[in-house]
Amino acid sequence: MISGVQSTIVLVLGTLAVATELFAFVDALRHRDEVYRAAGKRTKTFWLAITGVGLLLGFATWPGVLGMIGLAAFIAAGVYLADVRPALRQITGGGRRSGPYGPW
């Protein structure tokens, strides 16, 4: 019974990790190269390579997210999402929402 629960947890974590890697790759695709330079980050090609390789490694090690390769793939996506994406959104003005009385 415990083995089945552990397998389910690993499967869910692996699926969430691959979904995160896919989201990071798609987000890296949608920004122009000039935005990366304006934000003071590396080039679009660099981040596409990092997130793309991470996505491929994530798919290759899919249910086993706890392995070193799967963990490295998830960390690559995490670095992009935590550091690069907010800088790009600040340059492009993405994510700014305002309510009826101004910004929230």
PDB file of N, CA and C in Angstrom:
ATOM      1  N   MET A   1       0.816  -1.183   0.000  1.00  0.00           N
ATOM      2  CA  MET A   1       0.000   0.000   0.000  1.00  0.00           C
ATOM      3  C   MET A   1       0.869   1.260   0.000  1.00  0.00           C
ATOM      4  N   ILE A   2       1.918   1.291   0.815  1.00  0.00           N
ATOM      5  CA  ILE A   2       2.782   2.470   0.874  1.00  0.00           C
ATOM      6  C   ILE A   2       3.508   2.665  -0.444  1.00  0.00           C
ATOM      7  N   SER A   3       3.890   1.579  -1.082  1.00  0.00           N
ATOM      8  CA  SER A   3       4.568   1.680  -2.364  1.00  0.00           C
ATOM      9  C   SER A   3       3.668   2.337  -3.406  1.00  0.00           C
ATOM     10  N   GLY A   4       2.388   2.028  -3.388  1.00  0.00           N
ATOM     11  CA  GLY A   4       1.449   2.643  -4.323  1.00  0.00           C
ATOM     12  C   GLY A   4       1.282   4.134  -4.068  1.00  0.00           C
ATOM     13  N   VAL A   5       1.255   4.508  -2.810  1.00  0.00           N
ATOM     14  CA  VAL A   5       1.146   5.927  -2.453  1.00  0.00           C
ATOM     15  C   VAL A   5       2.404   6.668  -2.884  1.00  0.00           C
ATOM     16  N   GLN A   6       3.557   6.081  -2.637  1.00  0.00           N
ATOM     17  CA  GLN A   6       4.815   6.709  -3.042  1.00  0.00           C
ATOM     18  C   GLN A   6       4.892   6.859  -4.557  1.00  0.00           C
ATOM     19  N   SER A   7       4.471   5.837  -5.284  1.00  0.00           N
ATOM     20  CA  SER A   7       4.481   5.901  -6.740  1.00  0.00           C
ATOM     21  C   SER A   7       3.563   7.008  -7.248  1.00  0.00           C
ATOM     22  N   THR A   8       2.415   7.139  -6.618  1.00  0.00           N
ATOM     23  CA  THR A   8       1.476   8.186  -7.013  1.00  0.00           C
ATOM     24  C   THR A   8       2.063   9.566  -6.739  1.00  0.00           C
ATOM     25  N   ILE A   9       2.709   9.736  -5.598  1.00  0.00           N
ATOM     26  CA  ILE A   9       3.318  11.027  -5.264  1.00  0.00           C
ATOM     27  C   ILE A   9       4.425  11.380  -6.255  1.00  0.00           C
ATOM     28  N   VAL A  10       5.262  10.406  -6.584  1.00  0.00           N
ATOM     29  CA  VAL A  10       6.344  10.643  -7.540  1.00  0.00           C
ATOM     30  C   VAL A  10       5.768  10.967  -8.917  1.00  0.00           C
ATOM     31  N   LEU A  11       4.720  10.300  -9.318  1.00  0.00           N
ATOM     32  CA  LEU A  11       4.086  10.575 -10.607  1.00  0.00           C
ATOM     33  C   LEU A  11       3.510  11.989 -10.642  1.00  0.00           C
ATOM     34  N   VAL A  12       2.845  12.403  -9.582  1.00  0.00           N
ATOM     35  CA  VAL A  12       2.274  13.748  -9.515  1.00  0.00           C
ATOM     36  C   VAL A  12       3.378  14.805  -9.523  1.00  0.00           C
ATOM     37  N   LEU A  13       4.420  14.598  -8.726  1.00  0.00           N
ATOM     38  CA  LEU A  13       5.532  15.549  -8.696  1.00  0.00           C
ATOM     39  C   LEU A  13       6.234  15.631 -10.046  1.00  0.00           C
ATOM     40  N   GLY A  14       6.423  14.491 -10.683  1.00  0.00           N
ATOM     41  CA  GLY A  14       7.044  14.480 -12.011  1.00  0.00           C
ATOM     42  C   GLY A  14       6.217  15.215 -13.037  1.00  0.00           C
ATOM     43  N   THR A  15       4.912  15.021 -12.979  1.00  0.00           N
ATOM     44  CA  THR A  15       4.018  15.699 -13.913  1.00  0.00           C
ATOM     45  C   THR A  15       4.037  17.215 -13.680  1.00  0.00           C
ATOM     46  N   LEU A  16       4.019  17.622 -12.427  1.00  0.00           N
ATOM     47  CA  LEU A  16       4.091  19.048 -12.115  1.00  0.00           C
ATOM     48  C   LEU A  16       5.427  19.658 -12.550  1.00  0.00           C
ATOM     49  N   ALA A  17       6.499  18.910 -12.395  1.00  0.00           N
ATOM     50  CA  ALA A  17       7.813  19.404 -12.810  1.00  0.00           C
ATOM     51  C   ALA A  17       7.871  19.588 -14.323  1.00  0.00           C
ATOM     52  N   VAL A  18       7.381  18.618 -15.078  1.00  0.00           N
ATOM     53  CA  VAL A  18       7.390  18.733 -16.540  1.00  0.00           C
ATOM     54  C   VAL A  18       6.463  19.868 -16.982  1.00  0.00           C
ATOM     55  N   ALA A  19       5.345  20.050 -16.326  1.00  0.00           N
ATOM     56  CA  ALA A  19       4.444  21.159 -16.657  1.00  0.00           C
ATOM     57  C   ALA A  19       5.134  22.502 -16.397  1.00  0.00           C
ATOM     58  N   THR A  20       5.886  22.603 -15.325  1.00  0.00           N
ATOM     59  CA  THR A  20       6.632  23.824 -15.018  1.00  0.00           C
ATOM     60  C   THR A  20       7.701  24.079 -16.076  1.00  0.00           C
ATOM     61  N   GLU A  21       8.395  23.039 -16.482  1.00  0.00           N
ATOM     62  CA  GLU A  21       9.430  23.168 -17.512  1.00  0.00           C
ATOM     63  C   GLU A  21       8.820  23.582 -18.850  1.00  0.00           C
ATOM     64  N   LEU A  22       7.667  23.020 -19.178  1.00  0.00           N
ATOM     65  CA  LEU A  22       6.978  23.394 -20.411  1.00  0.00           C
ATOM     66  C   LEU A  22       6.534  24.854 -20.362  1.00  0.00           C
ATOM     67  N   PHE A  23       5.990  25.289 -19.237  1.00  0.00           N
ATOM     68  CA  PHE A  23       5.561  26.674 -19.087  1.00  0.00           C
ATOM     69  C   PHE A  23       6.748  27.632 -19.245  1.00  0.00           C
ATOM     70  N   ALA A  24       7.888  27.302 -18.633  1.00  0.00           N
ATOM     71  CA  ALA A  24       9.075  28.151 -18.738  1.00  0.00           C
ATOM     72  C   ALA A  24       9.547  28.250 -20.185  1.00  0.00           C
ATOM     73  N   PHE A  25       9.545  27.133 -20.902  1.00  0.00           N
ATOM     74  CA  PHE A  25       9.989  27.132 -22.296  1.00  0.00           C
ATOM     75  C   PHE A  25       9.055  27.969 -23.165  1.00  0.00           C
ATOM     76  N   VAL A  26       7.759  27.795 -23.008  1.00  0.00           N
ATOM     77  CA  VAL A  26       6.790  28.547 -23.812  1.00  0.00           C
ATOM     78  C   VAL A  26       6.888  30.038 -23.484  1.00  0.00           C
ATOM     79  N   ASP A  27       7.069  30.370 -22.219  1.00  0.00           N
ATOM     80  CA  ASP A  27       7.209  31.773 -21.854  1.00  0.00           C
ATOM     81  C   ASP A  27       8.486  32.372 -22.439  1.00  0.00           C
ATOM     82  N   ALA A  28       9.566  31.612 -22.460  1.00  0.00           N
ATOM     83  CA  ALA A  28      10.813  32.093 -23.059  1.00  0.00           C
ATOM     84  C   ALA A  28      10.649  32.313 -24.554  1.00  0.00           C
ATOM     85  N   LEU A  29       9.816  31.519 -25.195  1.00  0.00           N
ATOM     86  CA  LEU A  29       9.564  31.664 -26.631  1.00  0.00           C
ATOM     87  C   LEU A  29       8.823  32.956 -26.965  1.00  0.00           C
ATOM     88  N   ARG A  30       7.926  33.375 -26.120  1.00  0.00           N
ATOM     89  CA  ARG A  30       7.029  34.461 -26.500  1.00  0.00           C
ATOM     90  C   ARG A  30       7.609  35.864 -26.366  1.00  0.00           C
ATOM     91  N   HIS A  31       8.767  36.005 -25.739  1.00  0.00           N
ATOM     92  CA  HIS A  31       9.387  37.335 -25.609  1.00  0.00           C
ATOM     93  C   HIS A  31      10.404  37.558 -26.721  1.00  0.00           C
ATOM     94  N   ARG A  32      10.510  38.808 -27.171  1.00  0.00           N
ATOM     95  CA  ARG A  32      11.481  39.163 -28.208  1.00  0.00           C
ATOM     96  C   ARG A  32      12.887  39.236 -27.617  1.00  0.00           C
ATOM     97  N   ASP A  33      13.878  39.078 -28.465  1.00  0.00           N
ATOM     98  CA  ASP A  33      15.274  39.095 -28.022  1.00  0.00           C
ATOM     99  C   ASP A  33      15.653  40.450 -27.427  1.00  0.00           C
ATOM    100  N   GLU A  34      15.101  41.527 -27.950  1.00  0.00           N
ATOM    101  CA  GLU A  34      15.425  42.861 -27.445  1.00  0.00           C
ATOM    102  C   GLU A  34      15.006  43.024 -25.979  1.00  0.00           C
ATOM    103  N   VAL A  35      13.929  42.369 -25.599  1.00  0.00           N
ATOM    104  CA  VAL A  35      13.433  42.478 -24.226  1.00  0.00           C
ATOM    105  C   VAL A  35      14.434  41.842 -23.263  1.00  0.00           C
ATOM    106  N   TYR A  36      15.026  40.739 -23.659  1.00  0.00           N
ATOM    107  CA  TYR A  36      16.036  40.084 -22.815  1.00  0.00           C
ATOM    108  C   TYR A  36      17.221  41.025 -22.594  1.00  0.00           C
ATOM    109  N   ARG A  37      17.659  41.680 -23.673  1.00  0.00           N
ATOM    110  CA  ARG A  37      18.789  42.595 -23.556  1.00  0.00           C
ATOM    111  C   ARG A  37      18.423  43.820 -22.724  1.00  0.00           C
ATOM    112  N   ALA A  38      17.218  44.330 -22.915  1.00  0.00           N
ATOM    113  CA  ALA A  38      16.782  45.504 -22.141  1.00  0.00           C
ATOM    114  C   ALA A  38      16.666  45.185 -20.654  1.00  0.00           C
ATOM    115  N   ALA A  39      16.338  43.947 -20.327  1.00  0.00           N
ATOM    116  CA  ALA A  39      16.211  43.538 -18.931  1.00  0.00           C
ATOM    117  C   ALA A  39      17.564  43.197 -18.303  1.00  0.00           C
ATOM    118  N   GLY A  40      18.619  43.205 -19.122  1.00  0.00           N
ATOM    119  CA  GLY A  40      19.944  42.889 -18.600  1.00  0.00           C
ATOM    120  C   GLY A  40      20.158  41.402 -18.381  1.00  0.00           C
ATOM    121  N   LYS A  41      19.405  40.577 -19.088  1.00  0.00           N
ATOM    122  CA  LYS A  41      19.539  39.125 -18.980  1.00  0.00           C
ATOM    123  C   LYS A  41      20.267  38.605 -20.212  1.00  0.00           C
ATOM    124  N   ARG A  42      20.620  37.346 -20.190  1.00  0.00           N
ATOM    125  CA  ARG A  42      21.265  36.752 -21.363  1.00  0.00           C
ATOM    126  C   ARG A  42      20.282  36.734 -22.531  1.00  0.00           C
ATOM    127  N   THR A  43      20.738  36.271 -23.683  1.00  0.00           N
ATOM    128  CA  THR A  43      19.926  36.339 -24.896  1.00  0.00           C
ATOM    129  C   THR A  43      18.764  35.355 -24.867  1.00  0.00           C
ATOM    130  N   LYS A  44      17.841  35.596 -25.764  1.00  0.00           N
ATOM    131  CA  LYS A  44      16.693  34.698 -25.910  1.00  0.00           C
ATOM    132  C   LYS A  44      17.171  33.301 -26.288  1.00  0.00           C
ATOM    133  N   THR A  45      18.148  33.231 -27.180  1.00  0.00           N
ATOM    134  CA  THR A  45      18.676  31.932 -27.604  1.00  0.00           C
ATOM    135  C   THR A  45      19.232  31.150 -26.415  1.00  0.00           C
ATOM    136  N   PHE A  46      19.943  31.818 -25.526  1.00  0.00           N
ATOM    137  CA  PHE A  46      20.494  31.164 -24.345  1.00  0.00           C
ATOM    138  C   PHE A  46      19.376  30.579 -23.490  1.00  0.00           C
ATOM    139  N   TRP A  47      18.347  31.377 -23.198  1.00  0.00           N
ATOM    140  CA  TRP A  47      17.275  30.896 -22.327  1.00  0.00           C
ATOM    141  C   TRP A  47      16.402  29.860 -23.013  1.00  0.00           C
ATOM    142  N   LEU A  48      16.261  29.950 -24.327  1.00  0.00           N
ATOM    143  CA  LEU A  48      15.545  28.889 -25.041  1.00  0.00           C
ATOM    144  C   LEU A  48      16.327  27.584 -24.965  1.00  0.00           C
ATOM    145  N   ALA A  49      17.642  27.674 -25.074  1.00  0.00           N
ATOM    146  CA  ALA A  49      18.467  26.460 -24.973  1.00  0.00           C
ATOM    147  C   ALA A  49      18.377  25.861 -23.569  1.00  0.00           C
ATOM    148  N   ILE A  50      18.486  26.701 -22.550  1.00  0.00           N
ATOM    149  CA  ILE A  50      18.439  26.208 -21.163  1.00  0.00           C
ATOM    150  C   ILE A  50      17.082  25.578 -20.857  1.00  0.00           C
ATOM    151  N   THR A  51      16.006  26.304 -21.162  1.00  0.00           N
ATOM    152  CA  THR A  51      14.678  25.773 -20.847  1.00  0.00           C
ATOM    153  C   THR A  51      14.297  24.621 -21.773  1.00  0.00           C
ATOM    154  N   GLY A  52      14.763  24.658 -23.016  1.00  0.00           N
ATOM    155  CA  GLY A  52      14.469  23.571 -23.956  1.00  0.00           C
ATOM    156  C   GLY A  52      15.159  22.270 -23.567  1.00  0.00           C
ATOM    157  N   VAL A  53      16.432  22.374 -23.218  1.00  0.00           N
ATOM    158  CA  VAL A  53      17.156  21.172 -22.759  1.00  0.00           C
ATOM    159  C   VAL A  53      16.542  20.677 -21.458  1.00  0.00           C
ATOM    160  N   GLY A  54      16.186  21.606 -20.582  1.00  0.00           N
ATOM    161  CA  GLY A  54      15.523  21.212 -19.345  1.00  0.00           C
ATOM    162  C   GLY A  54      14.219  20.483 -19.602  1.00  0.00           C
ATOM    163  N   LEU A  55      13.452  20.971 -20.565  1.00  0.00           N
ATOM    164  CA  LEU A  55      12.189  20.318 -20.915  1.00  0.00           C
ATOM    165  C   LEU A  55      12.438  18.920 -21.482  1.00  0.00           C
ATOM    166  N   LEU A  56      13.416  18.790 -22.368  1.00  0.00           N
ATOM    167  CA  LEU A  56      13.733  17.468 -22.924  1.00  0.00           C
ATOM    168  C   LEU A  56      14.201  16.499 -21.838  1.00  0.00           C
ATOM    169  N   LEU A  57      15.043  16.986 -20.935  1.00  0.00           N
ATOM    170  CA  LEU A  57      15.496  16.132 -19.834  1.00  0.00           C
ATOM    171  C   LEU A  57      14.338  15.779 -18.905  1.00  0.00           C
ATOM    172  N   GLY A  58      13.440  16.727 -18.707  1.00  0.00           N
ATOM    173  CA  GLY A  58      12.267  16.456 -17.880  1.00  0.00           C
ATOM    174  C   GLY A  58      11.395  15.370 -18.478  1.00  0.00           C
ATOM    175  N   PHE A  59      11.187  15.441 -19.808  1.00  0.00           N
ATOM    176  CA  PHE A  59      10.412  14.392 -20.473  1.00  0.00           C
ATOM    177  C   PHE A  59      11.133  13.051 -20.416  1.00  0.00           C
ATOM    178  N   ALA A  60      12.453  13.090 -20.570  1.00  0.00           N
ATOM    179  CA  ALA A  60      13.224  11.839 -20.577  1.00  0.00           C
ATOM    180  C   ALA A  60      13.205  11.141 -19.216  1.00  0.00           C
ATOM    181  N   THR A  61      13.141  11.917 -18.151  1.00  0.00           N
ATOM    182  CA  THR A  61      13.165  11.336 -16.807  1.00  0.00           C
ATOM    183  C   THR A  61      11.815  11.474 -16.124  1.00  0.00           C
ATOM    184  N   TRP A  62      10.746  11.600 -16.888  1.00  0.00           N
ATOM    185  CA  TRP A  62       9.455  12.067 -16.411  1.00  0.00           C
ATOM    186  C   TRP A  62       8.975  11.513 -15.085  1.00  0.00           C
ATOM    187  N   PRO A  63       8.686  10.250 -14.913  1.00  0.00           N
ATOM    188  CA  PRO A  63       8.125   9.948 -13.601  1.00  0.00           C
ATOM    189  C   PRO A  63       9.143  10.082 -12.476  1.00  0.00           C
ATOM    190  N   GLY A  64      10.433  10.018 -12.779  1.00  0.00           N
ATOM    191  CA  GLY A  64      11.445  10.067 -11.737  1.00  0.00           C
ATOM    192  C   GLY A  64      11.982  11.460 -11.495  1.00  0.00           C
ATOM    193  N   VAL A  65      11.159  12.380 -11.062  1.00  0.00           N
ATOM    194  CA  VAL A  65      11.565  13.765 -10.834  1.00  0.00           C
ATOM    195  C   VAL A  65      12.644  13.870  -9.761  1.00  0.00           C
ATOM    196  N   LEU A  66      12.770  12.862  -8.931  1.00  0.00           N
ATOM    197  CA  LEU A  66      13.712  12.942  -7.830  1.00  0.00           C
ATOM    198  C   LEU A  66      15.144  12.624  -8.232  1.00  0.00           C
ATOM    199  N   GLY A  67      15.355  12.183  -9.460  1.00  0.00           N
ATOM    200  CA  GLY A  67      16.712  11.917  -9.930  1.00  0.00           C
ATOM    201  C   GLY A  67      17.468  13.208 -10.167  1.00  0.00           C
ATOM    202  N   MET A  68      18.783  13.121 -10.251  1.00  0.00           N
ATOM    203  CA  MET A  68      19.620  14.309 -10.420  1.00  0.00           C
ATOM    204  C   MET A  68      19.334  15.033 -11.732  1.00  0.00           C
ATOM    205  N   ILE A  69      19.114  14.302 -12.803  1.00  0.00           N
ATOM    206  CA  ILE A  69      18.865  14.944 -14.092  1.00  0.00           C
ATOM    207  C   ILE A  69      17.509  15.648 -14.089  1.00  0.00           C
ATOM    208  N   GLY A  70      16.505  14.985 -13.564  1.00  0.00           N
ATOM    209  CA  GLY A  70      15.185  15.618 -13.464  1.00  0.00           C
ATOM    210  C   GLY A  70      15.206  16.829 -12.561  1.00  0.00           C
ATOM    211  N   LEU A  71      15.971  16.754 -11.496  1.00  0.00           N
ATOM    212  CA  LEU A  71      16.093  17.881 -10.578  1.00  0.00           C
ATOM    213  C   LEU A  71      16.801  19.056 -11.252  1.00  0.00           C
ATOM    214  N   ALA A  72      17.841  18.777 -12.029  1.00  0.00           N
ATOM    215  CA  ALA A  72      18.551  19.840 -12.750  1.00  0.00           C
ATOM    216  C   ALA A  72      17.629  20.513 -13.769  1.00  0.00           C
ATOM    217  N   ALA A  73      16.806  19.722 -14.437  1.00  0.00           N
ATOM    218  CA  ALA A  73      15.855  20.278 -15.402  1.00  0.00           C
ATOM    219  C   ALA A  73      14.853  21.193 -14.708  1.00  0.00           C
ATOM    220  N   PHE A  74      14.375  20.781 -13.552  1.00  0.00           N
ATOM    221  CA  PHE A  74      13.415  21.589 -12.810  1.00  0.00           C
ATOM    222  C   PHE A  74      14.066  22.868 -12.283  1.00  0.00           C
ATOM    223  N   ILE A  75      15.313  22.781 -11.843  1.00  0.00           N
ATOM    224  CA  ILE A  75      16.027  23.963 -11.356  1.00  0.00           C
ATOM    225  C   ILE A  75      16.231  24.969 -12.488  1.00  0.00           C
ATOM    226  N   ALA A  76      16.536  24.491 -13.686  1.00  0.00           N
ATOM    227  CA  ALA A  76      16.698  25.400 -14.827  1.00  0.00           C
ATOM    228  C   ALA A  76      15.414  26.183 -15.083  1.00  0.00           C
ATOM    229  N   ALA A  77      14.284  25.499 -15.059  1.00  0.00           N
ATOM    230  CA  ALA A  77      12.999  26.180 -15.241  1.00  0.00           C
ATOM    231  C   ALA A  77      12.730  27.131 -14.079  1.00  0.00           C
ATOM    232  N   GLY A  78      13.082  26.723 -12.875  1.00  0.00           N
ATOM    233  CA  GLY A  78      12.864  27.564 -11.708  1.00  0.00           C
ATOM    234  C   GLY A  78      13.679  28.845 -11.742  1.00  0.00           C
ATOM    235  N   VAL A  79      14.912  28.761 -12.205  1.00  0.00           N
ATOM    236  CA  VAL A  79      15.752  29.958 -12.317  1.00  0.00           C
ATOM    237  C   VAL A  79      15.138  30.925 -13.324  1.00  0.00           C
ATOM    238  N   TYR A  80      14.700  30.388 -14.457  1.00  0.00           N
ATOM    239  CA  TYR A  80      14.059  31.258 -15.455  1.00  0.00           C
ATOM    240  C   TYR A  80      12.818  31.930 -14.870  1.00  0.00           C
ATOM    241  N   LEU A  81      11.968  31.144 -14.230  1.00  0.00           N
ATOM    242  CA  LEU A  81      10.701  31.682 -13.727  1.00  0.00           C
ATOM    243  C   LEU A  81      10.892  32.641 -12.556  1.00  0.00           C
ATOM    244  N   ALA A  82      11.898  32.424 -11.732  1.00  0.00           N
ATOM    245  CA  ALA A  82      12.095  33.266 -10.558  1.00  0.00           C
ATOM    246  C   ALA A  82      12.916  34.521 -10.844  1.00  0.00           C
ATOM    247  N   ASP A  83      13.807  34.462 -11.826  1.00  0.00           N
ATOM    248  CA  ASP A  83      14.705  35.587 -12.065  1.00  0.00           C
ATOM    249  C   ASP A  83      14.437  36.293 -13.393  1.00  0.00           C
ATOM    250  N   VAL A  84      14.384  35.551 -14.473  1.00  0.00           N
ATOM    251  CA  VAL A  84      14.306  36.153 -15.801  1.00  0.00           C
ATOM    252  C   VAL A  84      12.888  36.618 -16.117  1.00  0.00           C
ATOM    253  N   ARG A  85      11.904  35.793 -15.878  1.00  0.00           N
ATOM    254  CA  ARG A  85      10.530  36.142 -16.237  1.00  0.00           C
ATOM    255  C   ARG A  85      10.051  37.432 -15.565  1.00  0.00           C
ATOM    256  N   PRO A  86      10.276  37.629 -14.252  1.00  0.00           N
ATOM    257  CA  PRO A  86       9.846  38.906 -13.662  1.00  0.00           C
ATOM    258  C   PRO A  86      10.537  40.122 -14.288  1.00  0.00           C
ATOM    259  N   ALA A  87      11.816  39.986 -14.642  1.00  0.00           N
ATOM    260  CA  ALA A  87      12.526  41.098 -15.276  1.00  0.00           C
ATOM    261  C   ALA A  87      11.946  41.395 -16.651  1.00  0.00           C
ATOM    262  N   LEU A  88      11.607  40.353 -17.403  1.00  0.00           N
ATOM    263  CA  LEU A  88      11.014  40.551 -18.724  1.00  0.00           C
ATOM    264  C   LEU A  88       9.634  41.184 -18.613  1.00  0.00           C
ATOM    265  N   ARG A  89       8.867  40.745 -17.649  1.00  0.00           N
ATOM    266  CA  ARG A  89       7.521  41.301 -17.463  1.00  0.00           C
ATOM    267  C   ARG A  89       7.578  42.756 -17.021  1.00  0.00           C
ATOM    268  N   GLN A  90       8.608  43.115 -16.282  1.00  0.00           N
ATOM    269  CA  GLN A  90       8.747  44.507 -15.865  1.00  0.00           C
ATOM    270  C   GLN A  90       9.035  45.397 -17.077  1.00  0.00           C
ATOM    271  N   ILE A  91       9.823  44.906 -18.019  1.00  0.00           N
ATOM    272  CA  ILE A  91      10.144  45.670 -19.222  1.00  0.00           C
ATOM    273  C   ILE A  91       8.928  45.784 -20.134  1.00  0.00           C
ATOM    274  N   THR A  92       8.215  44.683 -20.312  1.00  0.00           N
ATOM    275  CA  THR A  92       7.082  44.688 -21.244  1.00  0.00           C
ATOM    276  C   THR A  92       5.805  45.221 -20.617  1.00  0.00           C
ATOM    277  N   GLY A  93       5.797  45.400 -19.307  1.00  0.00           N
ATOM    278  CA  GLY A  93       4.594  45.892 -18.648  1.00  0.00           C
ATOM    279  C   GLY A  93       3.563  44.813 -18.421  1.00  0.00           C
ATOM    280  N   GLY A  94       3.939  43.556 -18.613  1.00  0.00           N
ATOM    281  CA  GLY A  94       3.008  42.451 -18.406  1.00  0.00           C
ATOM    282  C   GLY A  94       2.688  42.249 -16.951  1.00  0.00           C
ATOM    283  N   GLY A  95       1.476  41.834 -16.684  1.00  0.00           N
ATOM    284  CA  GLY A  95       1.077  41.529 -15.332  1.00  0.00           C
ATOM    285  C   GLY A  95       0.596  42.720 -14.526  1.00  0.00           C
ATOM    286  N   ARG A  96       0.640  43.907 -15.103  1.00  0.00           N
ATOM    287  CA  ARG A  96       0.132  45.079 -14.373  1.00  0.00           C
ATOM    288  C   ARG A  96      -1.359  45.148 -14.540  1.00  0.00           C
ATOM    289  N   ARG A  97      -2.018  45.007 -13.448  1.00  0.00           N
ATOM    290  CA  ARG A  97      -3.467  45.053 -13.474  1.00  0.00           C
ATOM    291  C   ARG A  97      -3.915  46.260 -12.688  1.00  0.00           C
ATOM    292  N   SER A  98      -5.009  46.804 -13.100  1.00  0.00           N
ATOM    293  CA  SER A  98      -5.517  47.924 -12.323  1.00  0.00           C
ATOM    294  C   SER A  98      -7.000  47.718 -12.072  1.00  0.00           C
ATOM    295  N   GLY A  99      -7.407  48.178 -10.942  1.00  0.00           N
ATOM    296  CA  GLY A  99      -8.802  48.103 -10.565  1.00  0.00           C
ATOM    297  C   GLY A  99      -9.519  49.395 -10.938  1.00  0.00           C
ATOM    298  N   PRO A 100     -10.702  49.558 -10.470  1.00  0.00           N
ATOM    299  CA  PRO A 100     -11.479  50.747 -10.816  1.00  0.00           C
ATOM    300  C   PRO A 100     -10.890  52.042 -10.244  1.00  0.00           C
ATOM    301  N   TYR A 101      -9.998  51.927  -9.233  1.00  0.00           N
ATOM    302  CA  TYR A 101      -9.438  53.103  -8.594  1.00  0.00           C
ATOM    303  C   TYR A 101      -7.922  53.191  -8.776  1.00  0.00           C
ATOM    304  N   GLY A 102      -7.374  52.480  -9.740  1.00  0.00           N
ATOM    305  CA  GLY A 102      -5.938  52.507  -9.976  1.00  0.00           C
ATOM    306  C   GLY A 102      -5.332  51.140  -9.805  1.00  0.00           C
ATOM    307  N   PRO A 103      -3.987  51.097  -9.779  1.00  0.00           N
ATOM    308  CA  PRO A 103      -3.316  49.796  -9.650  1.00  0.00           C
ATOM    309  C   PRO A 103      -3.599  49.136  -8.315  1.00  0.00           C
ATOM    310  N   TRP A 104      -3.577  47.848  -8.309  1.00  0.00           N
ATOM    311  CA  TRP A 104      -3.867  47.087  -7.086  1.00  0.00           C
ATOM    312  C   TRP A 104      -2.655  47.010  -6.249  1.00  0.00           C
TER     313      TRP A 104
END
